[in-house]
Protein backbone atom coordinates (compact mmCIF):
# COMPACT_ATOMS: atom_id res chain seq x y z
CA MET A 1 98.30 145.47 64.52
CA ARG A 2 99.37 147.79 61.59
CA THR A 3 99.48 151.80 62.09
CA VAL A 4 101.00 154.87 60.47
CA ILE A 5 102.97 157.34 62.23
CA THR A 6 104.80 160.58 60.82
CA LEU A 7 108.27 160.91 61.37
CA PRO A 8 110.33 164.25 60.48
CA ASP A 9 112.37 163.14 57.82
CA HIS A 10 115.76 163.24 59.64
CA LEU A 11 114.21 160.67 62.02
CA HIS A 12 113.09 158.55 59.48
CA ALA A 13 116.34 158.42 57.62
CA GLU A 14 118.45 157.90 60.69
CA ALA A 15 115.92 155.12 61.88
CA LYS A 16 116.25 153.48 58.44
CA ARG A 17 120.22 153.70 58.35
CA ARG A 18 120.35 152.15 61.83
CA ALA A 19 118.13 149.18 60.83
CA ALA A 20 119.96 148.51 57.89
CA ASP A 21 123.05 148.40 60.02
CA GLN A 22 121.48 145.94 62.21
CA GLY A 23 120.50 144.05 59.01
CA ILE A 24 116.64 144.27 60.02
CA SER A 25 113.67 146.08 58.64
CA PHE A 26 112.62 149.61 59.54
CA ALA A 27 109.59 147.90 61.13
CA GLU A 28 111.38 145.49 62.97
CA PHE A 29 113.71 148.57 64.24
CA ALA A 30 110.45 150.20 65.35
CA ARG A 31 108.89 147.20 67.15
CA ARG A 32 112.23 146.78 69.13
CA LEU A 33 112.01 150.68 69.87
CA PHE A 34 108.65 150.54 71.09
CA ASP A 35 109.40 147.37 73.01
CA ARG A 36 112.44 148.77 74.79
CA GLU A 37 110.46 152.04 75.66
CA LEU A 38 107.16 150.13 76.80
CA GLY A 39 108.40 146.98 77.86
CA ALA A 40 107.09 143.62 76.71
CA ALA A 41 103.54 143.04 77.32
CA GLU A 42 102.28 141.11 80.06
CA PRO A 43 101.45 137.56 79.01
CA GLN A 44 97.54 137.02 78.37
CA GLY A 45 95.55 134.49 80.38
CA ASP A 46 95.49 132.73 83.74
CA LEU A 47 98.86 130.44 83.95
CA GLU A 48 96.79 128.06 86.24
CA ALA A 49 93.90 127.65 83.95
CA ILE A 50 95.90 126.94 81.15
CA ARG A 51 97.86 124.16 83.34
CA ALA A 52 94.37 122.73 84.09
CA MET A 53 94.14 122.09 80.54
CA VAL A 54 96.94 119.55 80.36
CA HIS A 55 96.76 116.26 81.63
CA GLY A 56 99.19 113.41 82.73
CA GLU A 57 103.22 113.50 82.90
CA PRO A 58 105.09 116.29 81.20
CA PHE A 59 107.09 115.01 77.89
CA ASP A 60 109.68 116.09 75.37
CA MET A 61 108.13 117.30 72.11
CA ALA A 62 111.30 117.00 70.40
CA ALA A 63 112.16 113.31 71.76
CA ASP A 64 108.30 112.14 71.32
CA ALA A 65 107.49 114.21 68.08
CA GLN A 66 107.32 111.10 65.85
CA ALA A 67 104.58 109.58 68.04
CA ILE A 68 102.60 112.74 69.01
CA VAL A 69 102.33 113.22 65.01
CA ALA A 70 101.37 109.56 64.30
CA GLU A 71 98.64 109.77 67.08
CA ALA A 72 97.26 113.14 65.83
CA ALA A 73 97.30 111.71 61.97
CA ALA A 74 95.38 108.65 63.57
CA ALA A 75 92.75 110.84 65.21
CA GLN A 76 92.28 113.00 62.31
CA HIS A 77 91.86 109.71 59.83
CA ILE A 78 89.28 108.16 62.28
CA GLN A 79 87.33 111.46 62.42
CA HIS A 80 87.25 111.35 58.46
CA ILE A 81 85.76 108.05 58.60
CA ASP A 82 83.05 109.02 61.21
């Protein structure tokens, strides 16, 4: 979400300086300040409902990536034929 805030000149200048010192944008610096002050947002959704959507044995996406992509591509190809 985008928002507009008004800062006194001295705070804006100091925030920009600190962001530059950290090698991040002013926006990222502000996000980190909000996160530090307000804490990370709680995850959304019911974890058990999400788990119920997953069927079968756990798998390693990195190890099985080629097979997973091939399966998805084949399914997409079949949908286009129908």
